[in-house]
Structure formats: structure tokens, C-alpha cells
C-alpha atoms as a PDB file:
ATOM      1  CA  MET A   1    -115.046 148.645  40.723  1.00  0.00           C
ATOM      2  CA  THR A   2    -112.441 149.251  43.433  1.00  0.00           C
ATOM      3  CA  LEU A   3    -112.457 149.138  47.231  1.00  0.00           C
ATOM      4  CA  CYS A   4    -109.754 150.742  49.379  1.00  0.00           C
ATOM      5  CA  ASP A   5    -109.268 150.274  53.111  1.00  0.00           C
ATOM      6  CA  TYR A   6    -106.623 150.555  55.824  1.00  0.00           C
ATOM      7  CA  LEU A   7    -105.810 147.583  58.025  1.00  0.00           C
ATOM      8  CA  ALA A   8    -104.252 148.981  61.194  1.00  0.00           C
ATOM      9  CA  ASP A   9    -102.861 145.687  62.511  1.00  0.00           C
ATOM     10  CA  GLU A  10    -103.001 141.903  62.146  1.00  0.00           C
ATOM     11  CA  ALA A  11    -106.386 141.752  63.895  1.00  0.00           C
ATOM     12  CA  ALA A  12    -107.802 144.203  61.341  1.00  0.00           C
ATOM     13  CA  SER A  13    -106.329 142.075  58.531  1.00  0.00           C
ATOM     14  CA  LEU A  14    -108.005 138.971  59.946  1.00  0.00           C
ATOM     15  CA  ASP A  15    -111.334 140.820  60.313  1.00  0.00           C
ATOM     16  CA  PHE A  16    -111.037 141.941  56.707  1.00  0.00           C
ATOM     17  CA  ALA A  17    -110.284 138.347  55.663  1.00  0.00           C
ATOM     18  CA  SER A  18    -113.362 137.191  57.577  1.00  0.00           C
ATOM     19  CA  ASN A  19    -115.562 139.691  55.710  1.00  0.00           C
ATOM     20  CA  LEU A  20    -114.061 138.605  52.402  1.00  0.00           C
ATOM     21  CA  ALA A  21    -114.697 134.962  53.347  1.00  0.00           C
ATOM     22  CA  LEU A  22    -118.391 135.637  53.993  1.00  0.00           C
ATOM     23  CA  ALA A  23    -118.714 137.319  50.607  1.00  0.00           C
ATOM     24  CA  LEU A  24    -116.788 134.459  48.975  1.00  0.00           C
ATOM     25  CA  LYS A  25    -119.024 131.793  50.511  1.00  0.00           C
ATOM     26  CA  ARG A  26    -122.071 133.394  48.946  1.00  0.00           C
ATOM     27  CA  GLN A  27    -120.329 133.934  45.609  1.00  0.00           C
ATOM     28  CA  LEU A  28    -118.843 130.428  45.333  1.00  0.00           C
ATOM     29  CA  GLN A  29    -122.331 128.945  45.666  1.00  0.00           C
ATOM     30  CA  HIS A  30    -123.280 130.643  42.388  1.00  0.00           C
ATOM     31  CA  GLU A  31    -120.094 130.075  40.401  1.00  0.00           C
ATOM     32  CA  GLN A  32    -119.576 127.214  38.005  1.00  0.00           C
ATOM     33  CA  ARG A  33    -115.936 127.931  37.205  1.00  0.00           C
ATOM     34  CA  GLY A  34    -114.644 129.057  40.590  1.00  0.00           C
ATOM     35  CA  LEU A  35    -112.862 132.270  41.508  1.00  0.00           C
ATOM     36  CA  THR A  36    -109.291 133.467  41.152  1.00  0.00           C
ATOM     37  CA  ILE A  37    -107.794 136.081  43.460  1.00  0.00           C
ATOM     38  CA  PHE A  38    -104.382 137.608  42.795  1.00  0.00           C
ATOM     39  CA  LEU A  39    -102.513 138.945  45.835  1.00  0.00           C
ATOM     40  CA  LEU A  40     -99.944 141.660  45.191  1.00  0.00           C
ATOM     41  CA  GLY A  41     -97.453 143.258  47.556  1.00  0.00           C
ATOM     42  CA  THR A  42     -93.839 143.251  48.615  1.00  0.00           C
ATOM     43  CA  LEU A  43     -92.301 140.667  50.930  1.00  0.00           C
ATOM     44  CA  GLY A  44     -93.893 141.077  54.349  1.00  0.00           C
ATOM     45  CA  ALA A  45     -96.903 143.013  53.054  1.00  0.00           C
ATOM     46  CA  GLY A  46     -99.337 140.493  54.585  1.00  0.00           C
ATOM     47  CA  LYS A  47    -100.403 138.360  51.621  1.00  0.00           C
ATOM     48  CA  THR A  48    -100.000 135.049  53.460  1.00  0.00           C
ATOM     49  CA  THR A  49    -101.616 136.449  56.609  1.00  0.00           C
ATOM     50  CA  LEU A  50    -104.638 137.457  54.543  1.00  0.00           C
ATOM     51  CA  CYS A  51    -104.761 133.998  52.902  1.00  0.00           C
ATOM     52  CA  ARG A  52    -104.477 132.312  56.302  1.00  0.00           C
ATOM     53  CA  GLY A  53    -107.351 134.386  57.712  1.00  0.00           C
ATOM     54  CA  LEU A  54    -109.438 133.796  54.620  1.00  0.00           C
ATOM     55  CA  LEU A  55    -108.958 130.006  54.602  1.00  0.00           C
ATOM     56  CA  ARG A  56    -109.667 129.732  58.327  1.00  0.00           C
ATOM     57  CA  SER A  57    -112.778 131.878  57.961  1.00  0.00           C
ATOM     58  CA  LEU A  58    -113.908 129.572  55.155  1.00  0.00           C
ATOM     59  CA  GLY A  59    -113.737 126.609  57.525  1.00  0.00           C
ATOM     60  CA  HIS A  60    -110.194 125.244  57.382  1.00  0.00           C
ATOM     61  CA  SER A  61    -109.140 124.302  60.910  1.00  0.00           C
ATOM     62  CA  GLY A  62    -105.606 123.032  60.347  1.00  0.00           C
ATOM     63  CA  ALA A  63    -102.363 124.834  59.719  1.00  0.00           C
ATOM     64  CA  VAL A  64    -102.097 127.234  56.802  1.00  0.00           C
ATOM     65  CA  LYS A  65     -98.523 127.411  55.686  1.00  0.00           C
ATOM     66  CA  SER A  66     -96.969 129.485  52.981  1.00  0.00           C
ATOM     67  CA  PRO A  67     -96.488 127.433  49.818  1.00  0.00           C
ATOM     68  CA  THR A  68     -93.257 129.268  48.988  1.00  0.00           C
ATOM     69  CA  TYR A  69     -91.327 126.038  48.365  1.00  0.00           C
ATOM     70  CA  THR A  70     -94.135 123.739  47.233  1.00  0.00           C
ATOM     71  CA  LEU A  71     -95.751 126.407  44.989  1.00  0.00           C
ATOM     72  CA  VAL A  72     -99.268 125.217  45.900  1.00  0.00           C
ATOM     73  CA  GLU A  73    -101.090 124.004  49.010  1.00  0.00           C
ATOM     74  CA  PRO A  74    -104.526 122.393  48.561  1.00  0.00           C
ATOM     75  CA  TYR A  75    -107.439 122.759  51.006  1.00  0.00           C
ATOM     76  CA  GLU A  76    -110.959 121.307  51.059  1.00  0.00           C
ATOM     77  CA  LEU A  77    -113.536 123.867  52.187  1.00  0.00           C
ATOM     78  CA  GLU A  78    -117.080 122.585  52.622  1.00  0.00           C
ATOM     79  CA  GLY A  79    -117.080 120.804  49.283  1.00  0.00           C
ATOM     80  CA  VAL A  80    -115.135 123.469  47.395  1.00  0.00           C
ATOM     81  CA  PRO A  81    -111.445 122.870  46.793  1.00  0.00           C
ATOM     82  CA  ALA A  82    -109.129 125.799  47.434  1.00  0.00           C
ATOM     83  CA  TYR A  83    -105.569 126.225  46.211  1.00  0.00           C
ATOM     84  CA  HIS A  84    -103.093 128.655  47.718  1.00  0.00           C
ATOM     85  CA  PHE A  85    -100.249 129.396  45.310  1.00  0.00           C
ATOM     86  CA  ASP A  86     -97.056 131.287  46.086  1.00  0.00           C
ATOM     87  CA  LEU A  87     -95.072 131.892  42.904  1.00  0.00           C
ATOM     88  CA  TYR A  88     -92.259 133.908  44.513  1.00  0.00           C
ATOM     89  CA  ARG A  89     -89.611 131.232  43.834  1.00  0.00           C
ATOM     90  CA  LEU A  90     -90.804 130.481  40.322  1.00  0.00           C
ATOM     91  CA  ALA A  91     -87.821 130.846  37.985  1.00  0.00           C
ATOM     92  CA  ASP A  92     -89.837 130.855  34.756  1.00  0.00           C
ATOM     93  CA  ALA A  93     -93.576 131.069  34.100  1.00  0.00           C
ATOM     94  CA  GLU A  94     -93.281 127.969  31.882  1.00  0.00           C
ATOM     95  CA  GLU A  95     -92.731 125.911  35.064  1.00  0.00           C
ATOM     96  CA  LEU A  96     -96.456 126.328  35.711  1.00  0.00           C
ATOM     97  CA  GLU A  97     -97.201 124.239  32.636  1.00  0.00           C
ATOM     98  CA  TYR A  98     -95.053 121.390  34.009  1.00  0.00           C
ATOM     99  CA  MET A  99     -96.982 121.368  37.280  1.00  0.00           C
ATOM    100  CA  GLY A 100    -100.327 121.199  35.433  1.00  0.00           C
ATOM    101  CA  ILE A 101    -101.537 124.687  36.334  1.00  0.00           C
ATOM    102  CA  ARG A 102    -104.456 124.516  33.901  1.00  0.00           C
ATOM    103  CA  ASP A 103    -105.969 121.599  35.841  1.00  0.00           C
ATOM    104  CA  TYR A 104    -106.490 123.891  38.842  1.00  0.00           C
ATOM    105  CA  PHE A 105    -108.571 126.262  36.707  1.00  0.00           C
ATOM    106  CA  GLU A 106    -110.849 123.654  35.102  1.00  0.00           C
ATOM    107  CA  GLN A 107    -112.976 123.116  38.180  1.00  0.00           C
ATOM    108  CA  ASN A 108    -115.131 125.049  40.578  1.00  0.00           C
ATOM    109  CA  SER A 109    -112.449 126.023  43.073  1.00  0.00           C
ATOM    110  CA  LEU A 110    -111.003 128.997  44.884  1.00  0.00           C
ATOM    111  CA  ARG A 111    -107.519 129.970  43.705  1.00  0.00           C
ATOM    112  CA  LEU A 112    -105.451 132.371  45.817  1.00  0.00           C
ATOM    113  CA  ILE A 113    -102.264 133.372  44.003  1.00  0.00           C
ATOM    114  CA  GLU A 114     -99.418 135.287  45.611  1.00  0.00           C
ATOM    115  CA  TRP A 115     -96.860 136.829  43.238  1.00  0.00           C
ATOM    116  CA  PRO A 116     -99.040 136.264  40.128  1.00  0.00           C
ATOM    117  CA  GLN A 117     -96.794 138.507  38.027  1.00  0.00           C
ATOM    118  CA  ARG A 118     -94.264 135.639  38.012  1.00  0.00           C
ATOM    119  CA  GLY A 119     -96.778 133.520  36.101  1.00  0.00           C
ATOM    120  CA  GLU A 120     -97.657 136.215  33.584  1.00  0.00           C
ATOM    121  CA  GLY A 121     -98.479 134.810  30.168  1.00  0.00           C
ATOM    122  CA  ILE A 122     -99.480 131.431  31.603  1.00  0.00           C
ATOM    123  CA  LEU A 123    -101.959 132.244  34.379  1.00  0.00           C
ATOM    124  CA  PRO A 124    -105.553 132.987  33.433  1.00  0.00           C
ATOM    125  CA  SER A 125    -106.937 136.373  34.453  1.00  0.00           C
ATOM    126  CA  ALA A 126    -108.033 137.051  38.015  1.00  0.00           C
ATOM    127  CA  ASP A 127    -111.552 137.833  39.132  1.00  0.00           C
ATOM    128  CA  LEU A 128    -110.233 139.999  41.945  1.00  0.00           C
ATOM    129  CA  THR A 129    -106.867 141.624  42.587  1.00  0.00           C
ATOM    130  CA  VAL A 130    -105.900 142.414  46.178  1.00  0.00           C
ATOM    131  CA  ALA A 131    -102.934 144.769  46.547  1.00  0.00           C
ATOM    132  CA  LEU A 132    -101.366 145.212  49.978  1.00  0.00           C
ATOM    133  CA  ASP A 133     -99.033 148.110  50.690  1.00  0.00           C
ATOM    134  CA  VAL A 134     -97.109 148.501  53.933  1.00  0.00           C
ATOM    135  CA  GLN A 135     -98.070 151.813  55.543  1.00  0.00           C
ATOM    136  CA  LEU A 136     -96.887 151.493  59.112  1.00  0.00           C
ATOM    137  CA  PRO A 137     -98.219 150.604  61.504  1.00  0.00           C
ATOM    138  CA  GLY A 138    -100.589 148.733  59.193  1.00  0.00           C
ATOM    139  CA  ARG A 139    -101.386 148.004  55.580  1.00  0.00           C
ATOM    140  CA  ALA A 140    -103.345 149.769  52.889  1.00  0.00           C
ATOM    141  CA  VAL A 141    -105.437 147.359  50.866  1.00  0.00           C
ATOM    142  CA  THR A 142    -106.868 148.016  47.429  1.00  0.00           C
ATOM    143  CA  ILE A 143    -109.205 145.481  45.860  1.00  0.00           C
ATOM    144  CA  GLU A 144    -110.094 145.681  42.204  1.00  0.00           C
ATOM    145  CA  ALA A 145    -112.692 143.587  40.410  1.00  0.00           C
ATOM    146  CA  THR A 146    -111.423 142.400  37.027  1.00  0.00           C
ATOM    147  CA  SER A 147    -114.373 140.268  35.861  1.00  0.00           C
ATOM    148  CA  ALA A 148    -118.141 140.133  36.215  1.00  0.00           C
ATOM    149  CA  SER A 149    -117.720 137.512  38.960  1.00  0.00           C
ATOM    150  CA  GLY A 150    -115.213 139.784  40.665  1.00  0.00           C
ATOM    151  CA  GLU A 151    -117.667 142.704  40.463  1.00  0.00           C
ATOM    152  CA  ALA A 152    -120.363 140.602  42.152  1.00  0.00           C
ATOM    153  CA  LEU A 153    -117.896 139.468  44.815  1.00  0.00           C
ATOM    154  CA  LEU A 154    -116.680 142.997  45.492  1.00  0.00           C
ATOM    155  CA  GLN A 155    -120.284 144.201  45.768  1.00  0.00           C
ATOM    156  CA  LYS A 156    -120.977 141.484  48.351  1.00  0.00           C
ATOM    157  CA  LEU A 157    -117.806 142.442  50.233  1.00  0.00           C
ATOM    158  CA  GLN A 158    -118.839 146.092  50.349  1.00  0.00           C
ATOM    159  CA  GLU A 159    -122.252 145.086  51.670  1.00  0.00           C
ATOM    160  CA  GLN A 160    -120.598 142.834  54.247  1.00  0.00           C
ATOM    161  CA  ILE A 161    -118.273 145.601  55.456  1.00  0.00           C
ATOM    162  CA  ALA A 162    -121.122 148.129  55.605  1.00  0.00           C
ATOM    163  CA  GLY A 163    -123.155 145.693  57.690  1.00  0.00           C
ATOM    164  CA  THR A 164    -120.442 145.160  60.331  1.00  0.00           C
END
């Protein structure tokens, strides 16, 4: 299942993130193993902006910074831990083993991963893949479900968008 949309500006990106957050809230209540979302796109495509909007819409009130240098930033969202990864500066996928990447996937949590291709071979599969493509003045977004949980989430997102 795939969903395509066009986000004309930052406000549209944040609205989209808000809709995704509502779908995620409902889905996370039913998951036992959490959800993993891969974010694809070139530098400046809006991956961090989407993560920021998503985390704020899920209840985080503090700053949301890009984890480019720390690799991961943790957040606590109404009892569900969330982890925002940015693997852009990862030199070798094996580095993920040294930071204990598997521990982040053993619990019911939300995992947002920018530049997941840099962790190929180590990272588990995603439930949802969000690809952002710069198409000025905005961004084209394509979301693909890659698991049964991702299919359910994408269905909820489509319902959410249709209802707004």
C-alpha cells in the first residue's frame, strides 16, 4: 500500500505530520513491538522538519533537534518512548552494534530513522517508509507500508487525511 501527496510548504508538512501523529497514536496503542519509520530524502528534503512536527504532535513540548552528531535523541511520549535517529554521519553500519541499536528495537517504542540506508544490514526492516523529494516550492511525499503494522498505520493515515 502506498500514499502519495504534495506538501506545498512547511505548514503543509506540519499538518501532514499532525495527521500521521493521530494515526500513530491509535496504532501504537495496539502494538506490542513498536513501530519503525524510515525517512528518505536528500539533504534539505524536510526529514527533520517532519520528525519535529510528528514528535510535537505526539505531545513533546520541548526542543526537537536533529541528532546528526549524537545519532539518536530520545523522547518520552505519553508512556511510549520515541527515538529519533539520524545516521547521516555514520561511517560504517557496524557502528550501530557498538551503540546497542538492537536495544532500541526490543521494546514498544517509536523509531524514526533518517538516512536508514547507512545502517543497511544492521537495521531491522521498517514498518513504514517515508520518502521526501524536493519539488519546489514544496515537497512530494510518498509513504509505503512495508509490514502488516505499516499497512494498518497507512490505512489509519488515509482515513485521517480523508476526514480533514
